[in-house]
């Protein structure tokens, strides 16, 4: 982590209501600089954070999927998760605002810590 950067994995998600402003491009770039393996993709007009994680086999991928699910339940913030043999792809975005919120970057950082 670069000097002066916030450790998002230690941050807490805030309650996000419909109409909350999405992160700005500058904020997204700053947060993303601390999440080098994540990318912002646009699907159906909605920006999302996405990363694929590699594993030795399906059992490890499934265990990671379960850990991400537990993390999501605890935070009340749920990603899209695609589990395949040896790979799990996780996508975070905030459904209520149809885009990216700081919470998504926090959850991405917390997801990284599960590996």
N, C-alpha and C. Protein backbone atom coordinates (compact mmCIF):
# COMPACT_ATOMS: atom_id res chain seq x y z
N UNK A 1 0.84 -1.18 0.00
CA UNK A 1 0.00 0.00 0.00
C UNK A 1 0.89 1.24 0.00
N UNK A 2 0.55 2.22 -0.82
CA UNK A 2 1.33 3.44 -0.93
C UNK A 2 1.16 4.30 0.32
N UNK A 3 2.20 5.04 0.63
CA UNK A 3 2.16 5.93 1.79
C UNK A 3 1.00 6.92 1.65
N UNK A 4 0.28 7.10 2.72
CA UNK A 4 -0.83 8.04 2.74
C UNK A 4 -2.16 7.45 2.25
N UNK A 5 -2.12 6.23 1.73
CA UNK A 5 -3.35 5.61 1.25
C UNK A 5 -4.13 5.00 2.42
N UNK A 6 -5.40 4.99 2.28
CA UNK A 6 -6.29 4.38 3.27
C UNK A 6 -6.32 2.89 3.01
N UNK A 7 -6.24 2.08 4.07
CA UNK A 7 -6.38 0.63 3.93
C UNK A 7 -7.88 0.33 3.89
N UNK A 8 -8.40 0.20 2.69
CA UNK A 8 -9.84 -0.01 2.53
C UNK A 8 -10.31 -1.30 3.19
N UNK A 9 -9.42 -2.28 3.32
CA UNK A 9 -9.84 -3.55 3.93
C UNK A 9 -10.16 -3.39 5.41
N UNK A 10 -9.73 -2.28 6.01
CA UNK A 10 -10.02 -2.01 7.41
C UNK A 10 -11.20 -1.05 7.59
N UNK A 11 -11.72 -0.55 6.48
CA UNK A 11 -12.84 0.40 6.53
C UNK A 11 -14.16 -0.36 6.69
N UNK A 12 -15.18 0.36 7.07
CA UNK A 12 -16.51 -0.20 7.24
C UNK A 12 -17.44 0.40 6.20
N UNK A 13 -18.27 -0.44 5.62
CA UNK A 13 -19.26 0.05 4.66
C UNK A 13 -20.28 0.92 5.36
N UNK A 14 -20.73 1.94 4.66
CA UNK A 14 -21.79 2.79 5.19
C UNK A 14 -23.10 2.40 4.54
N UNK A 15 -24.19 2.72 5.17
CA UNK A 15 -25.49 2.43 4.58
C UNK A 15 -25.63 3.29 3.33
N UNK A 16 -25.96 2.65 2.24
CA UNK A 16 -26.08 3.35 0.96
C UNK A 16 -27.54 3.31 0.53
N UNK A 17 -28.10 4.47 0.32
CA UNK A 17 -29.50 4.56 -0.07
C UNK A 17 -29.61 4.92 -1.55
N UNK A 18 -30.74 4.59 -2.14
CA UNK A 18 -31.00 4.98 -3.52
C UNK A 18 -30.80 6.48 -3.65
N UNK A 19 -30.15 6.91 -4.70
CA UNK A 19 -29.88 8.33 -4.90
C UNK A 19 -28.56 8.79 -4.35
N UNK A 20 -27.85 7.92 -3.61
CA UNK A 20 -26.51 8.29 -3.12
C UNK A 20 -25.61 8.49 -4.33
N UNK A 21 -24.69 9.44 -4.25
CA UNK A 21 -23.83 9.68 -5.41
C UNK A 21 -22.81 8.55 -5.59
N UNK A 22 -22.60 8.14 -6.84
CA UNK A 22 -21.54 7.17 -7.10
C UNK A 22 -20.18 7.85 -6.92
N UNK A 23 -19.13 7.05 -6.85
CA UNK A 23 -17.80 7.65 -6.75
C UNK A 23 -17.50 8.43 -8.03
N UNK A 24 -16.68 9.45 -7.90
CA UNK A 24 -16.25 10.20 -9.08
C UNK A 24 -15.15 9.41 -9.78
N UNK A 25 -14.80 9.80 -10.98
CA UNK A 25 -13.70 9.14 -11.69
C UNK A 25 -12.40 9.26 -10.91
N UNK A 26 -12.18 10.42 -10.30
CA UNK A 26 -10.96 10.63 -9.51
C UNK A 26 -10.93 9.72 -8.28
N UNK A 27 -12.06 9.63 -7.58
CA UNK A 27 -12.14 8.75 -6.42
C UNK A 27 -11.92 7.30 -6.83
N UNK A 28 -12.56 6.89 -7.92
CA UNK A 28 -12.41 5.51 -8.40
C UNK A 28 -10.94 5.23 -8.72
N UNK A 29 -10.27 6.15 -9.37
CA UNK A 29 -8.85 5.95 -9.72
C UNK A 29 -8.00 5.84 -8.47
N UNK A 30 -8.29 6.65 -7.47
CA UNK A 30 -7.53 6.60 -6.21
C UNK A 30 -7.75 5.27 -5.51
N UNK A 31 -9.00 4.86 -5.38
CA UNK A 31 -9.29 3.58 -4.72
C UNK A 31 -8.71 2.41 -5.51
N UNK A 32 -8.82 2.46 -6.82
CA UNK A 32 -8.34 1.38 -7.67
C UNK A 32 -6.82 1.23 -7.60
N UNK A 33 -6.12 2.32 -7.33
CA UNK A 33 -4.66 2.25 -7.23
C UNK A 33 -4.22 1.35 -6.07
N UNK A 34 -5.08 1.17 -5.09
CA UNK A 34 -4.80 0.27 -3.98
C UNK A 34 -5.32 -1.13 -4.21
N UNK A 35 -5.93 -1.36 -5.36
CA UNK A 35 -6.51 -2.66 -5.72
C UNK A 35 -6.01 -3.05 -7.12
N UNK A 36 -4.71 -3.31 -7.25
CA UNK A 36 -4.12 -3.46 -8.58
C UNK A 36 -4.65 -4.62 -9.43
N UNK A 37 -5.24 -5.62 -8.82
CA UNK A 37 -5.73 -6.76 -9.60
C UNK A 37 -7.19 -6.63 -10.01
N UNK A 38 -7.81 -5.54 -9.62
CA UNK A 38 -9.22 -5.30 -9.95
C UNK A 38 -9.30 -4.38 -11.16
N UNK A 39 -10.40 -4.48 -11.89
CA UNK A 39 -10.64 -3.60 -13.02
C UNK A 39 -12.07 -3.10 -12.96
N UNK A 40 -12.29 -1.95 -13.56
CA UNK A 40 -13.64 -1.43 -13.68
C UNK A 40 -14.14 -1.82 -15.07
N UNK A 41 -15.27 -2.50 -15.09
CA UNK A 41 -15.89 -2.90 -16.35
C UNK A 41 -17.30 -2.34 -16.38
N UNK A 42 -17.80 -2.09 -17.57
CA UNK A 42 -19.17 -1.60 -17.71
C UNK A 42 -20.00 -2.68 -18.38
N UNK A 43 -21.03 -3.12 -17.68
CA UNK A 43 -21.93 -4.16 -18.20
C UNK A 43 -23.34 -3.61 -18.13
N UNK A 44 -24.02 -3.62 -19.27
CA UNK A 44 -25.38 -3.08 -19.36
C UNK A 44 -25.45 -1.65 -18.83
N UNK A 45 -24.40 -0.87 -19.11
CA UNK A 45 -24.37 0.53 -18.71
C UNK A 45 -24.04 0.79 -17.25
N UNK A 46 -23.66 -0.28 -16.51
CA UNK A 46 -23.37 -0.15 -15.08
C UNK A 46 -21.90 -0.48 -14.82
N UNK A 47 -21.19 0.47 -14.20
CA UNK A 47 -19.80 0.22 -13.82
C UNK A 47 -19.75 -0.76 -12.66
N UNK A 48 -18.80 -1.70 -12.75
CA UNK A 48 -18.61 -2.72 -11.72
C UNK A 48 -17.12 -2.93 -11.51
N UNK A 49 -16.76 -3.35 -10.32
CA UNK A 49 -15.39 -3.79 -10.04
C UNK A 49 -15.35 -5.29 -10.25
N UNK A 50 -14.31 -5.77 -10.96
CA UNK A 50 -14.25 -7.20 -11.24
C UNK A 50 -12.82 -7.71 -11.10
N UNK A 51 -12.72 -8.91 -10.56
CA UNK A 51 -11.43 -9.60 -10.46
C UNK A 51 -11.67 -11.10 -10.54
N UNK A 52 -10.76 -11.79 -11.20
CA UNK A 52 -10.78 -13.25 -11.22
C UNK A 52 -9.65 -13.77 -10.33
N UNK A 53 -9.97 -14.76 -9.54
CA UNK A 53 -9.02 -15.40 -8.63
C UNK A 53 -8.77 -16.81 -9.13
N UNK A 54 -7.52 -17.27 -9.12
CA UNK A 54 -7.16 -18.61 -9.59
C UNK A 54 -6.93 -19.55 -8.41
N UNK A 55 -7.35 -20.80 -8.59
CA UNK A 55 -7.19 -21.83 -7.57
C UNK A 55 -6.73 -23.12 -8.22
N UNK A 56 -6.24 -24.05 -7.40
CA UNK A 56 -5.71 -25.31 -7.91
C UNK A 56 -6.80 -26.24 -8.44
N UNK A 57 -8.02 -26.10 -7.90
CA UNK A 57 -9.08 -27.03 -8.27
C UNK A 57 -10.44 -26.42 -7.94
N UNK A 58 -11.48 -27.18 -8.21
CA UNK A 58 -12.83 -26.71 -7.96
C UNK A 58 -13.13 -26.59 -6.47
N UNK A 59 -12.62 -27.51 -5.68
CA UNK A 59 -12.88 -27.48 -4.23
C UNK A 59 -12.36 -26.19 -3.61
N UNK A 60 -11.15 -25.76 -3.99
CA UNK A 60 -10.60 -24.51 -3.46
C UNK A 60 -11.41 -23.31 -3.95
N UNK A 61 -11.81 -23.36 -5.21
CA UNK A 61 -12.63 -22.27 -5.75
C UNK A 61 -13.97 -22.17 -5.00
N UNK A 62 -14.55 -23.32 -4.72
CA UNK A 62 -15.83 -23.35 -4.02
C UNK A 62 -15.69 -22.85 -2.57
N UNK A 63 -14.60 -23.22 -1.92
CA UNK A 63 -14.36 -22.74 -0.55
C UNK A 63 -14.21 -21.22 -0.54
N UNK A 64 -13.51 -20.67 -1.53
CA UNK A 64 -13.35 -19.22 -1.62
C UNK A 64 -14.71 -18.55 -1.88
N UNK A 65 -15.50 -19.15 -2.76
CA UNK A 65 -16.83 -18.63 -3.04
C UNK A 65 -17.65 -18.54 -1.75
N UNK A 66 -17.58 -19.58 -0.95
CA UNK A 66 -18.31 -19.61 0.32
C UNK A 66 -17.80 -18.49 1.25
N UNK A 67 -16.49 -18.29 1.30
CA UNK A 67 -15.92 -17.24 2.15
C UNK A 67 -16.38 -15.85 1.69
N UNK A 68 -16.42 -15.64 0.38
CA UNK A 68 -16.91 -14.35 -0.14
C UNK A 68 -18.38 -14.18 0.21
N UNK A 69 -19.15 -15.25 0.12
CA UNK A 69 -20.56 -15.19 0.48
C UNK A 69 -20.77 -14.83 1.94
N UNK A 70 -19.96 -15.39 2.82
CA UNK A 70 -20.05 -15.05 4.25
C UNK A 70 -19.70 -13.59 4.48
N UNK A 71 -18.63 -13.12 3.83
CA UNK A 71 -18.23 -11.72 3.93
C UNK A 71 -19.37 -10.81 3.48
N UNK A 72 -19.99 -11.16 2.37
CA UNK A 72 -21.08 -10.36 1.82
C UNK A 72 -22.28 -10.31 2.78
N UNK A 73 -22.62 -11.45 3.35
CA UNK A 73 -23.74 -11.50 4.29
C UNK A 73 -23.48 -10.63 5.51
N UNK A 74 -22.26 -10.70 6.04
CA UNK A 74 -21.90 -9.90 7.21
C UNK A 74 -22.01 -8.41 6.93
N UNK A 75 -21.67 -8.00 5.71
CA UNK A 75 -21.70 -6.58 5.35
C UNK A 75 -23.05 -6.14 4.81
N UNK A 76 -23.91 -7.10 4.45
CA UNK A 76 -25.18 -6.75 3.84
C UNK A 76 -24.99 -6.15 2.45
N UNK A 77 -23.92 -6.57 1.77
CA UNK A 77 -23.59 -6.06 0.44
C UNK A 77 -23.15 -7.25 -0.40
N UNK A 78 -23.83 -7.51 -1.50
CA UNK A 78 -23.68 -8.79 -2.19
C UNK A 78 -23.17 -8.63 -3.62
N UNK A 79 -22.14 -9.40 -3.98
CA UNK A 79 -21.57 -9.34 -5.32
C UNK A 79 -22.19 -10.37 -6.25
N UNK A 80 -21.79 -10.30 -7.50
CA UNK A 80 -22.02 -11.40 -8.43
C UNK A 80 -20.77 -12.27 -8.33
N UNK A 81 -20.98 -13.58 -8.22
CA UNK A 81 -19.85 -14.51 -8.09
C UNK A 81 -20.04 -15.62 -9.12
N UNK A 82 -19.01 -15.82 -9.95
CA UNK A 82 -19.02 -16.92 -10.91
C UNK A 82 -17.93 -17.90 -10.49
N UNK A 83 -18.34 -19.11 -10.13
CA UNK A 83 -17.41 -20.15 -9.68
C UNK A 83 -17.24 -21.17 -10.80
N UNK A 84 -15.99 -21.39 -11.18
CA UNK A 84 -15.65 -22.35 -12.22
C UNK A 84 -14.53 -23.23 -11.69
N UNK A 85 -14.16 -24.25 -12.46
CA UNK A 85 -13.04 -25.09 -12.05
C UNK A 85 -11.78 -24.23 -12.02
N UNK A 86 -11.21 -24.07 -10.82
CA UNK A 86 -9.95 -23.35 -10.66
C UNK A 86 -10.03 -21.84 -10.76
N UNK A 87 -11.23 -21.29 -10.83
CA UNK A 87 -11.33 -19.83 -10.96
C UNK A 87 -12.65 -19.33 -10.37
N UNK A 88 -12.56 -18.17 -9.70
CA UNK A 88 -13.76 -17.49 -9.20
C UNK A 88 -13.66 -16.04 -9.65
N UNK A 89 -14.71 -15.54 -10.28
CA UNK A 89 -14.76 -14.14 -10.69
C UNK A 89 -15.78 -13.44 -9.80
N UNK A 90 -15.33 -12.36 -9.18
CA UNK A 90 -16.17 -11.59 -8.25
C UNK A 90 -16.39 -10.21 -8.83
N UNK A 91 -17.63 -9.74 -8.83
CA UNK A 91 -17.97 -8.40 -9.31
C UNK A 91 -18.76 -7.68 -8.23
N UNK A 92 -18.26 -6.51 -7.87
CA UNK A 92 -18.94 -5.67 -6.87
C UNK A 92 -19.47 -4.42 -7.55
N UNK A 93 -20.70 -4.04 -7.22
CA UNK A 93 -21.28 -2.75 -7.57
C UNK A 93 -22.47 -2.55 -6.67
N UNK A 94 -22.95 -1.33 -6.63
CA UNK A 94 -24.07 -1.01 -5.74
C UNK A 94 -25.34 -0.92 -6.56
N UNK A 95 -26.19 -1.90 -6.38
CA UNK A 95 -27.43 -1.99 -7.15
C UNK A 95 -28.31 -0.76 -6.96
N UNK A 96 -28.38 -0.26 -5.74
CA UNK A 96 -29.30 0.86 -5.44
C UNK A 96 -28.97 2.12 -6.21
N UNK A 97 -27.68 2.30 -6.58
CA UNK A 97 -27.31 3.51 -7.32
C UNK A 97 -26.91 3.20 -8.76
N UNK A 98 -26.91 1.92 -9.12
CA UNK A 98 -26.58 1.54 -10.49
C UNK A 98 -25.16 1.89 -10.88
N UNK A 99 -24.23 1.68 -9.94
CA UNK A 99 -22.83 2.00 -10.23
C UNK A 99 -21.95 1.71 -9.03
N UNK A 100 -20.83 2.40 -9.00
CA UNK A 100 -19.83 2.15 -7.96
C UNK A 100 -19.91 3.16 -6.82
N UNK A 101 -19.86 2.63 -5.62
CA UNK A 101 -19.84 3.41 -4.38
C UNK A 101 -18.55 3.04 -3.65
N UNK A 102 -18.13 3.85 -2.73
CA UNK A 102 -16.93 3.53 -1.94
C UNK A 102 -17.04 2.14 -1.32
N UNK A 103 -18.25 1.74 -0.93
CA UNK A 103 -18.45 0.42 -0.33
C UNK A 103 -17.94 -0.70 -1.23
N UNK A 104 -18.07 -0.55 -2.54
CA UNK A 104 -17.63 -1.59 -3.46
C UNK A 104 -16.12 -1.77 -3.41
N UNK A 105 -15.40 -0.68 -3.28
CA UNK A 105 -13.95 -0.74 -3.18
C UNK A 105 -13.53 -1.34 -1.83
N UNK A 106 -14.27 -1.02 -0.79
CA UNK A 106 -14.02 -1.61 0.53
C UNK A 106 -14.20 -3.12 0.45
N UNK A 107 -15.29 -3.56 -0.16
CA UNK A 107 -15.56 -4.99 -0.26
C UNK A 107 -14.55 -5.70 -1.16
N UNK A 108 -14.07 -5.04 -2.19
CA UNK A 108 -13.03 -5.62 -3.04
C UNK A 108 -11.76 -5.83 -2.22
N UNK A 109 -11.39 -4.84 -1.41
CA UNK A 109 -10.20 -4.96 -0.56
C UNK A 109 -10.37 -6.09 0.45
N UNK A 110 -11.56 -6.20 1.02
CA UNK A 110 -11.82 -7.28 1.98
C UNK A 110 -11.79 -8.64 1.28
N UNK A 111 -12.27 -8.69 0.05
CA UNK A 111 -12.22 -9.94 -0.73
C UNK A 111 -10.77 -10.36 -0.96
N UNK A 112 -9.92 -9.41 -1.29
CA UNK A 112 -8.50 -9.71 -1.49
C UNK A 112 -7.88 -10.36 -0.26
N UNK A 113 -8.31 -9.93 0.90
CA UNK A 113 -7.73 -10.46 2.15
C UNK A 113 -8.14 -11.91 2.41
N UNK A 114 -9.14 -12.40 1.71
CA UNK A 114 -9.59 -13.78 1.91
C UNK A 114 -8.66 -14.80 1.25
N UNK A 115 -7.87 -14.35 0.31
CA UNK A 115 -7.00 -15.27 -0.44
C UNK A 115 -5.80 -15.65 0.41
